[in-house]
Amino acid sequence: MNAVGIDVFKGKSIVAVIQPFGVVLAEPFDVFHTDSELKSLVAFIIFC
């Protein structure tokens, strides 16, 4: 099972994804709070 960490700020969020034992799948990256970026984030998380 993967773990998704999301730090939420006013205009953007920072997202990172790890697997058990600390294997990094996605280094922290910014996601701005727009419809298109949030939809992309959902698709990324579903297929991660």
PDB file of N, CA and C in Angstrom:
ATOM      1  N   MET A   1       0.847  -1.165   0.000  1.00  0.00           N
ATOM      2  CA  MET A   1       0.000   0.000   0.000  1.00  0.00           C
ATOM      3  C   MET A   1       0.894   1.231   0.000  1.00  0.00           C
ATOM      4  N   ASN A   2       0.541   2.210  -0.812  1.00  0.00           N
ATOM      5  CA  ASN A   2       1.289   3.458  -0.894  1.00  0.00           C
ATOM      6  C   ASN A   2       0.688   4.479   0.059  1.00  0.00           C
ATOM      7  N   ALA A   3       1.520   5.425   0.487  1.00  0.00           N
ATOM      8  CA  ALA A   3       1.056   6.518   1.341  1.00  0.00           C
ATOM      9  C   ALA A   3       1.254   7.829   0.595  1.00  0.00           C
ATOM     10  N   VAL A   4       0.223   8.658   0.613  1.00  0.00           N
ATOM     11  CA  VAL A   4       0.274   9.967  -0.027  1.00  0.00           C
ATOM     12  C   VAL A   4       0.219  11.016   1.070  1.00  0.00           C
ATOM     13  N   GLY A   5       1.210  11.897   1.082  1.00  0.00           N
ATOM     14  CA  GLY A   5       1.226  13.005   2.031  1.00  0.00           C
ATOM     15  C   GLY A   5       0.905  14.289   1.295  1.00  0.00           C
ATOM     16  N   ILE A   6      -0.023  15.074   1.840  1.00  0.00           N
ATOM     17  CA  ILE A   6      -0.419  16.327   1.211  1.00  0.00           C
ATOM     18  C   ILE A   6      -0.415  17.435   2.257  1.00  0.00           C
ATOM     19  N   ASP A   7       0.432  18.449   2.053  1.00  0.00           N
ATOM     20  CA  ASP A   7       0.419  19.660   2.868  1.00  0.00           C
ATOM     21  C   ASP A   7      -0.391  20.695   2.104  1.00  0.00           C
ATOM     22  N   VAL A   8      -1.460  21.169   2.695  1.00  0.00           N
ATOM     23  CA  VAL A   8      -2.372  22.093   2.023  1.00  0.00           C
ATOM     24  C   VAL A   8      -2.098  23.518   2.486  1.00  0.00           C
ATOM     25  N   PHE A   9      -1.902  24.410   1.528  1.00  0.00           N
ATOM     26  CA  PHE A   9      -1.711  25.825   1.776  1.00  0.00           C
ATOM     27  C   PHE A   9      -2.814  26.601   1.071  1.00  0.00           C
ATOM     28  N   LYS A  10      -2.758  27.920   1.118  1.00  0.00           N
ATOM     29  CA  LYS A  10      -3.829  28.741   0.560  1.00  0.00           C
ATOM     30  C   LYS A  10      -3.991  28.564  -0.952  1.00  0.00           C
ATOM     31  N   GLY A  11      -2.915  28.633  -1.719  1.00  0.00           N
ATOM     32  CA  GLY A  11      -3.036  28.574  -3.168  1.00  0.00           C
ATOM     33  C   GLY A  11      -2.493  27.324  -3.816  1.00  0.00           C
ATOM     34  N   LYS A  12      -1.822  26.484  -3.011  1.00  0.00           N
ATOM     35  CA  LYS A  12      -1.246  25.261  -3.569  1.00  0.00           C
ATOM     36  C   LYS A  12      -1.095  24.229  -2.470  1.00  0.00           C
ATOM     37  N   SER A  13      -0.820  23.012  -2.891  1.00  0.00           N
ATOM     38  CA  SER A  13      -0.510  21.920  -1.962  1.00  0.00           C
ATOM     39  C   SER A  13       0.814  21.305  -2.392  1.00  0.00           C
ATOM     40  N   ILE A  14       1.487  20.675  -1.452  1.00  0.00           N
ATOM     41  CA  ILE A  14       2.712  19.945  -1.749  1.00  0.00           C
ATOM     42  C   ILE A  14       2.418  18.470  -1.496  1.00  0.00           C
ATOM     43  N   VAL A  15       2.719  17.636  -2.482  1.00  0.00           N
ATOM     44  CA  VAL A  15       2.346  16.221  -2.453  1.00  0.00           C
ATOM     45  C   VAL A  15       3.596  15.355  -2.574  1.00  0.00           C
ATOM     46  N   ALA A  16       3.628  14.254  -1.826  1.00  0.00           N
ATOM     47  CA  ALA A  16       4.689  13.254  -1.941  1.00  0.00           C
ATOM     48  C   ALA A  16       4.059  11.877  -1.776  1.00  0.00           C
ATOM     49  N   VAL A  17       4.686  10.867  -2.387  1.00  0.00           N
ATOM     50  CA  VAL A  17       4.151   9.504  -2.319  1.00  0.00           C
ATOM     51  C   VAL A  17       5.292   8.547  -1.966  1.00  0.00           C
ATOM     52  N   ILE A  18       5.042   7.678  -0.968  1.00  0.00           N
ATOM     53  CA  ILE A  18       6.029   6.662  -0.599  1.00  0.00           C
ATOM     54  C   ILE A  18       5.365   5.298  -0.496  1.00  0.00           C
ATOM     55  N   GLN A  19       6.201   4.265  -0.637  1.00  0.00           N
ATOM     56  CA  GLN A  19       5.783   2.888  -0.431  1.00  0.00           C
ATOM     57  C   GLN A  19       6.290   2.439   0.934  1.00  0.00           C
ATOM     58  N   PRO A  20       5.876   1.259   1.386  1.00  0.00           N
ATOM     59  CA  PRO A  20       6.416   0.745   2.645  1.00  0.00           C
ATOM     60  C   PRO A  20       7.947   0.719   2.627  1.00  0.00           C
ATOM     61  N   PHE A  21       8.523   0.826   3.793  1.00  0.00           N
ATOM     62  CA  PHE A  21       9.964   0.828   4.003  1.00  0.00           C
ATOM     63  C   PHE A  21      10.637   2.062   3.420  1.00  0.00           C
ATOM     64  N   GLY A  22       9.851   3.134   3.177  1.00  0.00           N
ATOM     65  CA  GLY A  22      10.414   4.410   2.763  1.00  0.00           C
ATOM     66  C   GLY A  22      10.829   4.528   1.319  1.00  0.00           C
ATOM     67  N   VAL A  23      10.351   3.652   0.457  1.00  0.00           N
ATOM     68  CA  VAL A  23      10.662   3.742  -0.966  1.00  0.00           C
ATOM     69  C   VAL A  23       9.870   4.913  -1.544  1.00  0.00           C
ATOM     70  N   VAL A  24      10.592   5.910  -2.079  1.00  0.00           N
ATOM     71  CA  VAL A  24       9.948   7.130  -2.588  1.00  0.00           C
ATOM     72  C   VAL A  24       9.455   6.889  -4.010  1.00  0.00           C
ATOM     73  N   LEU A  25       8.158   7.069  -4.220  1.00  0.00           N
ATOM     74  CA  LEU A  25       7.586   6.974  -5.572  1.00  0.00           C
ATOM     75  C   LEU A  25       7.535   8.336  -6.236  1.00  0.00           C
ATOM     76  N   ALA A  26       7.286   9.382  -5.459  1.00  0.00           N
ATOM     77  CA  ALA A  26       7.223  10.741  -6.004  1.00  0.00           C
ATOM     78  C   ALA A  26       7.791  11.707  -4.978  1.00  0.00           C
ATOM     79  N   GLU A  27       8.881  12.356  -5.347  1.00  0.00           N
ATOM     80  CA  GLU A  27       9.452  13.413  -4.499  1.00  0.00           C
ATOM     81  C   GLU A  27       8.393  14.511  -4.344  1.00  0.00           C
ATOM     82  N   PRO A  28       8.486  15.303  -3.294  1.00  0.00           N
ATOM     83  CA  PRO A  28       7.501  16.375  -3.110  1.00  0.00           C
ATOM     84  C   PRO A  28       7.387  17.274  -4.346  1.00  0.00           C
ATOM     85  N   PHE A  29       6.146  17.542  -4.747  1.00  0.00           N
ATOM     86  CA  PHE A  29       5.889  18.412  -5.899  1.00  0.00           C
ATOM     87  C   PHE A  29       4.680  19.298  -5.600  1.00  0.00           C
ATOM     88  N   ASP A  30       4.640  20.455  -6.251  1.00  0.00           N
ATOM     89  CA  ASP A  30       3.560  21.424  -6.040  1.00  0.00           C
ATOM     90  C   ASP A  30       2.363  21.102  -6.909  1.00  0.00           C
ATOM     91  N   VAL A  31       1.180  21.319  -6.353  1.00  0.00           N
ATOM     92  CA  VAL A  31      -0.070  21.226  -7.097  1.00  0.00           C
ATOM     93  C   VAL A  31      -0.851  22.497  -6.784  1.00  0.00           C
ATOM     94  N   PHE A  32      -1.082  23.320  -7.795  1.00  0.00           N
ATOM     95  CA  PHE A  32      -1.850  24.537  -7.589  1.00  0.00           C
ATOM     96  C   PHE A  32      -3.337  24.212  -7.585  1.00  0.00           C
ATOM     97  N   HIS A  33      -4.100  24.991  -6.875  1.00  0.00           N
ATOM     98  CA  HIS A  33      -5.518  24.709  -6.670  1.00  0.00           C
ATOM     99  C   HIS A  33      -6.368  25.205  -7.842  1.00  0.00           C
ATOM    100  N   THR A  34      -6.145  24.607  -8.997  1.00  0.00           N
ATOM    101  CA  THR A  34      -6.965  24.859 -10.172  1.00  0.00           C
ATOM    102  C   THR A  34      -7.688  23.563 -10.504  1.00  0.00           C
ATOM    103  N   ASP A  35      -8.771  23.678 -11.235  1.00  0.00           N
ATOM    104  CA  ASP A  35      -9.524  22.473 -11.606  1.00  0.00           C
ATOM    105  C   ASP A  35      -8.650  21.455 -12.323  1.00  0.00           C
ATOM    106  N   SER A  36      -7.873  21.921 -13.291  1.00  0.00           N
ATOM    107  CA  SER A  36      -7.084  20.983 -14.096  1.00  0.00           C
ATOM    108  C   SER A  36      -5.989  20.305 -13.269  1.00  0.00           C
ATOM    109  N   GLU A  37      -5.304  21.051 -12.410  1.00  0.00           N
ATOM    110  CA  GLU A  37      -4.240  20.431 -11.613  1.00  0.00           C
ATOM    111  C   GLU A  37      -4.805  19.493 -10.553  1.00  0.00           C
ATOM    112  N   LEU A  38      -5.939  19.828  -9.961  1.00  0.00           N
ATOM    113  CA  LEU A  38      -6.533  18.934  -8.963  1.00  0.00           C
ATOM    114  C   LEU A  38      -7.052  17.657  -9.617  1.00  0.00           C
ATOM    115  N   LYS A  39      -7.619  17.768 -10.810  1.00  0.00           N
ATOM    116  CA  LYS A  39      -8.062  16.562 -11.543  1.00  0.00           C
ATOM    117  C   LYS A  39      -6.862  15.688 -11.906  1.00  0.00           C
ATOM    118  N   SER A  40      -5.754  16.318 -12.302  1.00  0.00           N
ATOM    119  CA  SER A  40      -4.541  15.568 -12.609  1.00  0.00           C
ATOM    120  C   SER A  40      -4.003  14.873 -11.364  1.00  0.00           C
ATOM    121  N   LEU A  41      -4.068  15.544 -10.235  1.00  0.00           N
ATOM    122  CA  LEU A  41      -3.602  14.941  -8.977  1.00  0.00           C
ATOM    123  C   LEU A  41      -4.446  13.712  -8.624  1.00  0.00           C
ATOM    124  N   VAL A  42      -5.738  13.814  -8.774  1.00  0.00           N
ATOM    125  CA  VAL A  42      -6.612  12.668  -8.479  1.00  0.00           C
ATOM    126  C   VAL A  42      -6.244  11.487  -9.379  1.00  0.00           C
ATOM    127  N   ALA A  43      -6.066  11.735 -10.660  1.00  0.00           N
ATOM    128  CA  ALA A  43      -5.692  10.662 -11.588  1.00  0.00           C
ATOM    129  C   ALA A  43      -4.326  10.080 -11.222  1.00  0.00           C
ATOM    130  N   PHE A  44      -3.390  10.914 -10.822  1.00  0.00           N
ATOM    131  CA  PHE A  44      -2.057  10.461 -10.419  1.00  0.00           C
ATOM    132  C   PHE A  44      -2.154   9.546  -9.196  1.00  0.00           C
ATOM    133  N   ILE A  45      -2.947   9.952  -8.212  1.00  0.00           N
ATOM    134  CA  ILE A  45      -3.078   9.167  -6.985  1.00  0.00           C
ATOM    135  C   ILE A  45      -3.765   7.819  -7.266  1.00  0.00           C
ATOM    136  N   ILE A  46      -4.767   7.819  -8.102  1.00  0.00           N
ATOM    137  CA  ILE A  46      -5.484   6.577  -8.413  1.00  0.00           C
ATOM    138  C   ILE A  46      -4.551   5.557  -9.055  1.00  0.00           C
ATOM    139  N   PHE A  47      -3.676   6.011  -9.944  1.00  0.00           N
ATOM    140  CA  PHE A  47      -2.825   5.081 -10.700  1.00  0.00           C
ATOM    141  C   PHE A  47      -1.436   4.922 -10.098  1.00  0.00           C
ATOM    142  N   CYS A  48      -1.199   5.505  -8.923  1.00  0.00           N
ATOM    143  CA  CYS A  48       0.123   5.444  -8.307  1.00  0.00           C
ATOM    144  C   CYS A  48       0.412   4.119  -7.688  1.00  0.00           C
TER     145      CYS A  48
END
